[in-house]
């Protein structure tokens, strides 16, 4: 039976959809695997959850290079060689020089390859070069490739000529939101954001990545000045708004980074959750919003969103809609989509792949 060691560097990173996938899949795998069947390798002193069956192995030096991004390319492959295990990499990155220990890689999307127009400054081009090198390495080296949607699978086949039979689709899910308690202080007395009233604001979670299409939300706020638009996210969103000439909008509330509890309260009580993405491998925030009870979820009309949400979301045609929240194709019975996705079901598919003997 193949023996795998998980690259646990994602536990050192800020939580996003990719890290969420890795954390939740591992949590479910822990109850599905035999004791010691799977190891989790992490840099020293990295906080990790307690597992019953997954063995946690702190490994590597304590230098800045050993504990930084170089850990995945230096310490982790050294452990693979020492232990004889294969790599299991859940977050788009594999050890480039771990020859003889090839294993399973999760490639969430190939956005850097498919949309180079998103990465035009120096930092973006450097990041694109690194990620495209990883995409290429994964498609050449991995025994099995996992991705998170049929759309993403088709993109990997399109750009890298991979045999579709080599790619397994294992979806994201939403049950982690059941563990989150909505933060009562968001609408407490006094409320954290006095501008927000239950059921009277549009909510979105943004960042400066171009695929998230933050400017669309600002244009929506510009076109509907009587409505309030609450935007969560770190980084310099307000500075980006200024660069776009849209920093004068008095109906936009920048919330900064929000906790899971705050996000749940905001999703529960919004007028609609907005997700005008230009490119995704899956797109988990609308699923989280539906799970939290958002009365309406509005997503961009793209092949990926259609696959994930079917006719259960409201669709925005970005080709003709530059920021009109009142112009959309309505969906129905949004909560029915939750039945399609389960972390337990996804973990079982990965467990079966882990236990499969390569041909």
Protein backbone atom coordinates (compact mmCIF):
# COMPACT_ATOMS: atom_id res chain seq x y z
CA UNK A 1 0.00 0.00 0.00
CA UNK A 2 1.37 3.48 -0.87
CA UNK A 3 2.46 5.57 2.12
CA UNK A 4 2.11 9.35 1.89
CA UNK A 5 3.40 12.37 3.79
CA UNK A 6 1.30 15.53 3.48
CA UNK A 7 3.01 18.85 2.80
CA UNK A 8 1.67 20.82 5.78
CA UNK A 9 3.21 24.19 4.95
CA UNK A 10 -0.32 25.60 4.43
CA UNK A 11 -0.71 25.69 8.22
CA UNK A 12 1.77 28.61 8.22
CA UNK A 13 -0.27 30.58 5.67
CA UNK A 14 -3.19 32.92 5.95
CA UNK A 15 -6.50 31.16 5.49
CA UNK A 16 -8.09 31.32 2.04
CA UNK A 17 -10.14 28.85 0.04
CA UNK A 18 -7.13 26.70 -0.83
CA UNK A 19 -5.98 26.37 2.78
CA UNK A 20 -9.58 25.77 3.87
CA UNK A 21 -9.78 22.82 1.48
CA UNK A 22 -6.58 21.30 2.84
CA UNK A 23 -7.58 21.76 6.50
CA UNK A 24 -11.08 20.31 6.11
CA UNK A 25 -10.02 17.39 3.93
CA UNK A 26 -7.32 16.43 6.45
CA UNK A 27 -9.76 16.69 9.36
CA UNK A 28 -12.07 14.23 7.62
CA UNK A 29 -9.24 11.95 6.49
CA UNK A 30 -8.14 11.58 10.10
CA UNK A 31 -11.19 9.44 10.89
CA UNK A 32 -10.96 7.48 7.63
CA UNK A 33 -7.30 6.39 7.75
CA UNK A 34 -5.59 3.73 9.81
CA UNK A 35 -3.24 4.95 12.58
CA UNK A 36 0.07 5.99 11.04
CA UNK A 37 -1.15 5.41 7.49
CA UNK A 38 -0.79 9.12 6.73
CA UNK A 39 1.77 11.61 8.02
CA UNK A 40 1.56 15.39 8.14
CA UNK A 41 4.95 17.09 7.84
CA UNK A 42 5.21 20.71 9.05
CA UNK A 43 7.94 23.24 9.84
CA UNK A 44 9.00 23.17 13.52
CA UNK A 45 6.71 24.97 15.99
CA UNK A 46 3.80 25.12 13.52
CA UNK A 47 0.43 25.01 15.32
CA UNK A 48 -1.75 22.20 13.96
CA UNK A 49 -4.99 20.53 15.06
CA UNK A 50 -4.93 17.39 17.16
CA UNK A 51 -5.34 14.21 15.13
CA UNK A 52 -6.12 10.67 16.23
CA UNK A 53 -4.71 8.73 13.30
CA UNK A 54 -2.64 11.18 11.27
CA UNK A 55 0.92 11.41 12.63
CA UNK A 56 2.29 14.98 12.81
CA UNK A 57 6.00 15.26 12.04
CA UNK A 58 7.75 18.60 12.70
CA UNK A 59 10.76 18.66 10.41
CA UNK A 60 13.43 21.09 9.22
CA UNK A 61 15.79 23.67 10.57
CA UNK A 62 14.93 26.93 12.24
CA UNK A 63 16.56 29.32 9.78
CA UNK A 64 14.42 31.87 7.96
CA UNK A 65 14.91 29.97 4.71
CA UNK A 66 14.08 26.61 6.24
CA UNK A 67 10.86 27.90 7.79
CA UNK A 68 9.85 30.20 4.93
CA UNK A 69 8.58 29.34 1.48
CA UNK A 70 11.82 27.45 0.82
CA UNK A 71 10.71 24.77 3.31
CA UNK A 72 8.59 23.03 0.66
CA UNK A 73 11.53 22.79 -1.73
CA UNK A 74 14.26 21.99 0.82
CA UNK A 75 13.15 20.42 4.10
CA UNK A 76 10.02 18.63 2.90
CA UNK A 77 11.71 16.71 0.05
CA UNK A 78 14.54 15.84 2.45
CA UNK A 79 11.98 14.23 4.72
CA UNK A 80 10.46 12.31 1.81
CA UNK A 81 13.87 10.91 0.96
CA UNK A 82 14.56 10.04 4.58
CA UNK A 83 11.18 8.36 5.18
CA UNK A 84 10.65 6.82 1.76
CA UNK A 85 7.13 8.26 1.59
CA UNK A 86 5.46 9.87 -1.40
CA UNK A 87 4.28 13.46 -1.44
CA UNK A 88 0.66 14.48 -0.95
CA UNK A 89 0.39 18.19 -1.76
CA UNK A 90 -2.99 19.87 -1.31
CA UNK A 91 -2.25 23.47 -2.28
CA UNK A 92 -0.96 23.83 -5.87
CA UNK A 93 2.72 23.33 -4.96
CA UNK A 94 4.93 20.23 -5.10
CA UNK A 95 8.60 19.69 -4.24
CA UNK A 96 10.27 20.16 -7.61
CA UNK A 97 13.24 17.85 -6.95
CA UNK A 98 11.77 14.98 -4.95
CA UNK A 99 12.52 12.44 -7.65
CA UNK A 100 11.35 8.91 -6.84
CA UNK A 101 8.74 10.11 -4.35
CA UNK A 102 6.08 11.36 -6.77
CA UNK A 103 2.56 11.26 -5.42
CA UNK A 104 -0.73 13.15 -5.41
CA UNK A 105 -1.15 16.86 -6.06
CA UNK A 106 -4.26 19.03 -5.77
CA UNK A 107 -4.24 21.64 -8.52
CA UNK A 108 -7.13 23.95 -7.68
CA UNK A 109 -7.02 25.97 -10.88
CA UNK A 110 -4.63 27.19 -13.59
CA UNK A 111 -5.58 30.86 -13.43
CA UNK A 112 -2.00 32.08 -13.87
CA UNK A 113 -1.81 30.19 -17.16
CA UNK A 114 -5.33 30.85 -18.40
CA UNK A 115 -5.45 34.57 -17.54
CA UNK A 116 -1.98 36.13 -17.86
CA UNK A 117 -3.75 39.48 -18.32
CA UNK A 118 -4.43 39.45 -14.58
CA UNK A 119 -0.70 39.57 -13.75
CA UNK A 120 0.91 42.47 -15.56
CA UNK A 121 3.10 44.19 -12.96
CA UNK A 122 6.52 42.85 -11.97
CA UNK A 123 5.31 41.06 -8.86
CA UNK A 124 2.42 39.53 -10.76
CA UNK A 125 4.62 38.32 -13.60
CA UNK A 126 7.08 36.75 -11.15
CA UNK A 127 4.25 35.02 -9.31
CA UNK A 128 2.80 33.81 -12.60
CA UNK A 129 6.16 32.40 -13.69
CA UNK A 130 6.51 30.45 -10.43
CA UNK A 131 2.95 29.10 -10.48
CA UNK A 132 3.11 28.15 -14.15
CA UNK A 133 6.35 26.26 -13.43
CA UNK A 134 4.46 24.45 -10.67
CA UNK A 135 1.52 23.67 -12.95
CA UNK A 136 3.91 22.21 -15.49
CA UNK A 137 5.76 20.18 -12.85
CA UNK A 138 2.53 18.82 -11.38
CA UNK A 139 1.19 17.74 -14.77
CA UNK A 140 4.50 16.03 -15.57
CA UNK A 141 5.37 14.45 -12.20
CA UNK A 142 2.21 13.68 -10.24
CA UNK A 143 1.01 10.08 -10.18
CA UNK A 144 -2.49 11.44 -9.66
CA UNK A 145 -3.85 14.96 -10.09
CA UNK A 146 -6.83 16.15 -8.07
CA UNK A 147 -8.78 19.29 -8.89
CA UNK A 148 -11.93 20.88 -7.51
CA UNK A 149 -14.33 21.08 -10.47
CA UNK A 150 -14.98 19.64 -13.91
CA UNK A 151 -14.28 23.12 -15.25
CA UNK A 152 -10.83 23.18 -13.67
CA UNK A 153 -10.21 19.65 -14.98
CA UNK A 154 -11.04 20.80 -18.50
CA UNK A 155 -8.64 23.74 -18.15
CA UNK A 156 -5.78 21.46 -17.04
CA UNK A 157 -6.45 19.21 -20.03
CA UNK A 158 -6.67 22.22 -22.35
CA UNK A 159 -3.45 23.93 -21.33
CA UNK A 160 -1.27 20.96 -20.41
CA UNK A 161 -2.56 18.07 -22.49
CA UNK A 162 -3.07 15.80 -19.49
CA UNK A 163 -5.02 12.59 -19.97
CA UNK A 164 -8.42 13.28 -18.37
CA UNK A 165 -8.33 9.84 -16.75
CA UNK A 166 -5.35 11.01 -14.67
CA UNK A 167 -7.42 13.79 -13.06
CA UNK A 168 -9.92 13.22 -10.23
CA UNK A 169 -12.45 15.89 -9.29
CA UNK A 170 -12.89 16.26 -5.53
CA UNK A 171 -15.12 19.20 -4.65
CA UNK A 172 -15.00 21.75 -1.85
CA UNK A 173 -17.80 21.75 0.71
CA UNK A 174 -19.42 23.92 3.37
CA UNK A 175 -19.94 21.98 6.62
CA UNK A 176 -17.16 23.88 8.40
CA UNK A 177 -19.61 26.79 8.67
CA UNK A 178 -21.75 24.66 11.01
CA UNK A 179 -18.95 24.96 13.58
CA UNK A 180 -18.95 28.75 13.38
CA UNK A 181 -21.11 30.79 15.73
CA UNK A 182 -22.35 34.06 14.27
CA UNK A 183 -20.78 36.98 16.12
CA UNK A 184 -23.62 38.70 17.97
CA UNK A 185 -21.59 41.90 18.33
CA UNK A 186 -21.84 42.64 14.61
CA UNK A 187 -25.43 43.77 15.18
CA UNK A 188 -25.13 44.25 18.93
CA UNK A 189 -25.74 47.29 21.05
CA UNK A 190 -23.79 49.17 19.90
CA UNK A 191 -23.31 47.47 16.51
CA UNK A 192 -19.77 47.03 15.23
CA UNK A 193 -20.62 48.79 11.95
CA UNK A 194 -23.50 51.26 12.59
CA UNK A 195 -23.99 51.81 8.85
CA UNK A 196 -25.21 48.23 8.43
CA UNK A 197 -28.82 47.31 9.13
CA UNK A 198 -30.13 43.78 8.89
CA UNK A 199 -31.44 42.95 5.45
CA UNK A 200 -30.47 46.31 3.98
CA UNK A 201 -26.92 45.91 2.66
CA UNK A 202 -25.10 44.02 -0.06
CA UNK A 203 -22.14 42.01 1.16
CA UNK A 204 -19.01 40.85 -0.63
CA UNK A 205 -15.60 39.48 0.33
CA UNK A 206 -12.86 41.00 -1.78
CA UNK A 207 -9.14 41.23 -2.31
CA UNK A 208 -6.89 42.82 -4.92
CA UNK A 209 -6.56 39.71 -7.09
CA UNK A 210 -8.02 40.69 -10.46
CA UNK A 211 -10.08 37.53 -10.82
CA UNK A 212 -12.16 38.58 -7.78
CA UNK A 213 -13.41 41.58 -9.79
CA UNK A 214 -13.53 44.06 -6.89
CA UNK A 215 -14.20 47.02 -9.26
CA UNK A 216 -17.57 45.51 -10.23
CA UNK A 217 -18.81 45.88 -6.66
CA UNK A 218 -17.69 49.50 -6.58
CA UNK A 219 -19.49 50.21 -9.85
CA UNK A 220 -22.59 48.57 -8.39
CA UNK A 221 -22.37 50.90 -5.40
CA UNK A 222 -21.94 53.86 -7.75
CA UNK A 223 -25.07 52.89 -9.69
CA UNK A 224 -27.16 52.32 -6.57
CA UNK A 225 -26.28 55.16 -4.16
CA UNK A 226 -29.35 54.56 -1.99
CA UNK A 227 -28.06 51.09 -1.01
CA UNK A 228 -25.19 50.16 1.33
CA UNK A 229 -22.37 47.90 0.13
CA UNK A 230 -20.26 46.19 2.81
CA UNK A 231 -16.92 44.87 1.58
CA UNK A 232 -14.76 42.59 3.72
CA UNK A 233 -11.11 41.89 2.96
CA UNK A 234 -7.57 42.75 3.91
CA UNK A 235 -5.12 44.74 1.88
CA UNK A 236 -5.59 48.21 0.49
CA UNK A 237 -9.06 48.01 -0.98
CA UNK A 238 -9.76 51.67 -0.27
CA UNK A 239 -6.48 52.64 -1.94
CA UNK A 240 -7.44 50.58 -4.98
CA UNK A 241 -10.80 52.35 -5.02
CA UNK A 242 -8.94 55.66 -5.08
CA UNK A 243 -6.85 54.45 -8.02
CA UNK A 244 -10.08 53.66 -9.84
CA UNK A 245 -11.52 57.08 -9.02
CA UNK A 246 -14.24 55.47 -6.87
CA UNK A 247 -13.12 56.41 -3.38
CA UNK A 248 -15.85 59.04 -3.02
CA UNK A 249 -18.68 56.52 -2.60
CA UNK A 250 -20.32 57.21 0.75
CA UNK A 251 -22.41 54.05 0.57
CA UNK A 252 -19.40 51.71 0.65
CA UNK A 253 -18.28 50.36 4.04
CA UNK A 254 -14.83 48.77 4.15
CA UNK A 255 -14.89 46.19 6.92
CA UNK A 256 -11.26 45.06 6.76
CA UNK A 257 -10.43 41.47 7.65
CA UNK A 258 -13.41 39.75 9.30
CA UNK A 259 -13.46 36.65 11.47
CA UNK A 260 -15.49 33.57 10.52
CA UNK A 261 -18.04 34.56 13.15
CA UNK A 262 -18.37 38.06 11.75
CA UNK A 263 -18.61 36.71 8.21
CA UNK A 264 -21.42 34.37 9.23
CA UNK A 265 -23.39 37.18 10.85
CA UNK A 266 -22.86 39.37 7.79
CA UNK A 267 -23.94 36.60 5.41
CA UNK A 268 -27.03 35.76 7.46
CA UNK A 269 -28.28 39.33 7.48
CA UNK A 270 -27.32 40.77 4.10
CA UNK A 271 -29.73 41.68 1.31
CA UNK A 272 -27.56 39.67 -1.09
CA UNK A 273 -24.09 38.17 -1.22
CA UNK A 274 -22.14 39.31 -4.30
CA UNK A 275 -19.51 37.17 -6.04
CA UNK A 276 -18.73 38.70 -9.47
CA UNK A 277 -15.67 36.54 -10.09
CA UNK A 278 -13.93 36.45 -13.44
CA UNK A 279 -12.17 33.10 -12.94
CA UNK A 280 -12.40 30.35 -10.29
CA UNK A 281 -11.54 26.71 -9.88
CA UNK A 282 -14.54 26.32 -7.55
CA UNK A 283 -15.61 29.47 -5.69
CA UNK A 284 -16.45 28.54 -2.11
CA UNK A 285 -17.69 31.87 -0.58
CA UNK A 286 -21.17 31.72 -2.17
CA UNK A 287 -21.55 28.16 -0.89
CA UNK A 288 -20.61 29.38 2.59
CA UNK A 289 -23.11 32.23 2.24
CA UNK A 290 -25.89 29.83 1.28
CA UNK A 291 -24.98 27.60 4.23
CA UNK A 292 -25.19 30.62 6.54
CA UNK A 293 -28.65 31.55 5.29
CA UNK A 294 -27.95 34.45 2.94
CA UNK A 295 -31.33 35.27 1.36
CA UNK A 296 -29.79 35.76 -2.10
CA UNK A 297 -26.47 34.79 -3.66
CA UNK A 298 -25.44 36.54 -6.89
CA UNK A 299 -22.56 35.06 -8.89
CA UNK A 300 -21.02 35.70 -12.29
CA UNK A 301 -22.41 33.69 -15.20
CA UNK A 302 -19.35 31.56 -15.98
CA UNK A 303 -18.98 27.83 -16.76
CA UNK A 304 -17.47 27.15 -13.33
CA UNK A 305 -20.23 28.93 -11.41
CA UNK A 306 -22.89 27.18 -13.51
CA UNK A 307 -21.31 23.82 -12.70
CA UNK A 308 -21.09 24.43 -8.96
CA UNK A 309 -24.35 26.27 -8.36
CA UNK A 310 -26.61 25.01 -11.15
CA UNK A 311 -29.91 26.88 -11.14
CA UNK A 312 -29.67 27.63 -7.42
CA UNK A 313 -27.90 31.02 -7.66
CA UNK A 314 -28.73 34.34 -9.28
CA UNK A 315 -26.45 34.93 -12.29
CA UNK A 316 -24.83 38.15 -13.40
CA UNK A 317 -23.85 38.31 -17.08
CA UNK A 318 -20.62 40.27 -16.85
CA UNK A 319 -20.49 40.67 -20.63
CA UNK A 320 -23.39 43.11 -20.47
CA UNK A 321 -23.67 43.96 -16.78
CA UNK A 322 -20.99 46.34 -15.55
CA UNK A 323 -22.46 46.83 -12.08
CA UNK A 324 -26.23 46.51 -11.87
CA UNK A 325 -27.36 44.40 -8.91
CA UNK A 326 -30.95 44.59 -10.14
CA UNK A 327 -30.14 42.88 -13.46
CA UNK A 328 -29.68 39.14 -13.12
CA UNK A 329 -31.09 35.74 -14.02
CA UNK A 330 -32.83 34.51 -10.87
CA UNK A 331 -32.19 31.11 -9.36
CA UNK A 332 -34.38 29.16 -6.95
CA UNK A 333 -34.15 27.09 -3.79
CA UNK A 334 -30.51 27.97 -3.12
CA UNK A 335 -30.19 25.69 -0.08
CA UNK A 336 -30.84 22.63 -2.24
CA UNK A 337 -27.33 23.01 -3.65
CA UNK A 338 -25.86 22.14 -0.23
CA UNK A 339 -26.85 18.51 -0.71
CA UNK A 340 -24.28 18.15 -3.51
CA UNK A 341 -21.20 18.88 -1.40
CA UNK A 342 -19.73 17.19 1.66
CA UNK A 343 -16.24 17.25 3.18
CA UNK A 344 -16.73 13.65 4.28
CA UNK A 345 -17.65 12.54 0.77
CA UNK A 346 -14.69 14.44 -0.68
CA UNK A 347 -12.28 12.96 1.86
CA UNK A 348 -13.47 9.45 1.03
CA UNK A 349 -12.63 10.00 -2.62
CA UNK A 350 -9.14 11.18 -1.67
CA UNK A 351 -8.69 8.26 0.74
CA UNK A 352 -9.51 5.83 -2.07
CA UNK A 353 -6.96 7.54 -4.30
CA UNK A 354 -4.33 7.40 -1.55
CA UNK A 355 -4.87 3.67 -1.15
CA UNK A 356 -4.86 2.93 -4.86
CA UNK A 357 -1.73 1.24 -6.17
CA UNK A 358 -0.38 3.05 -9.24
CA UNK A 359 -0.36 0.97 -12.40
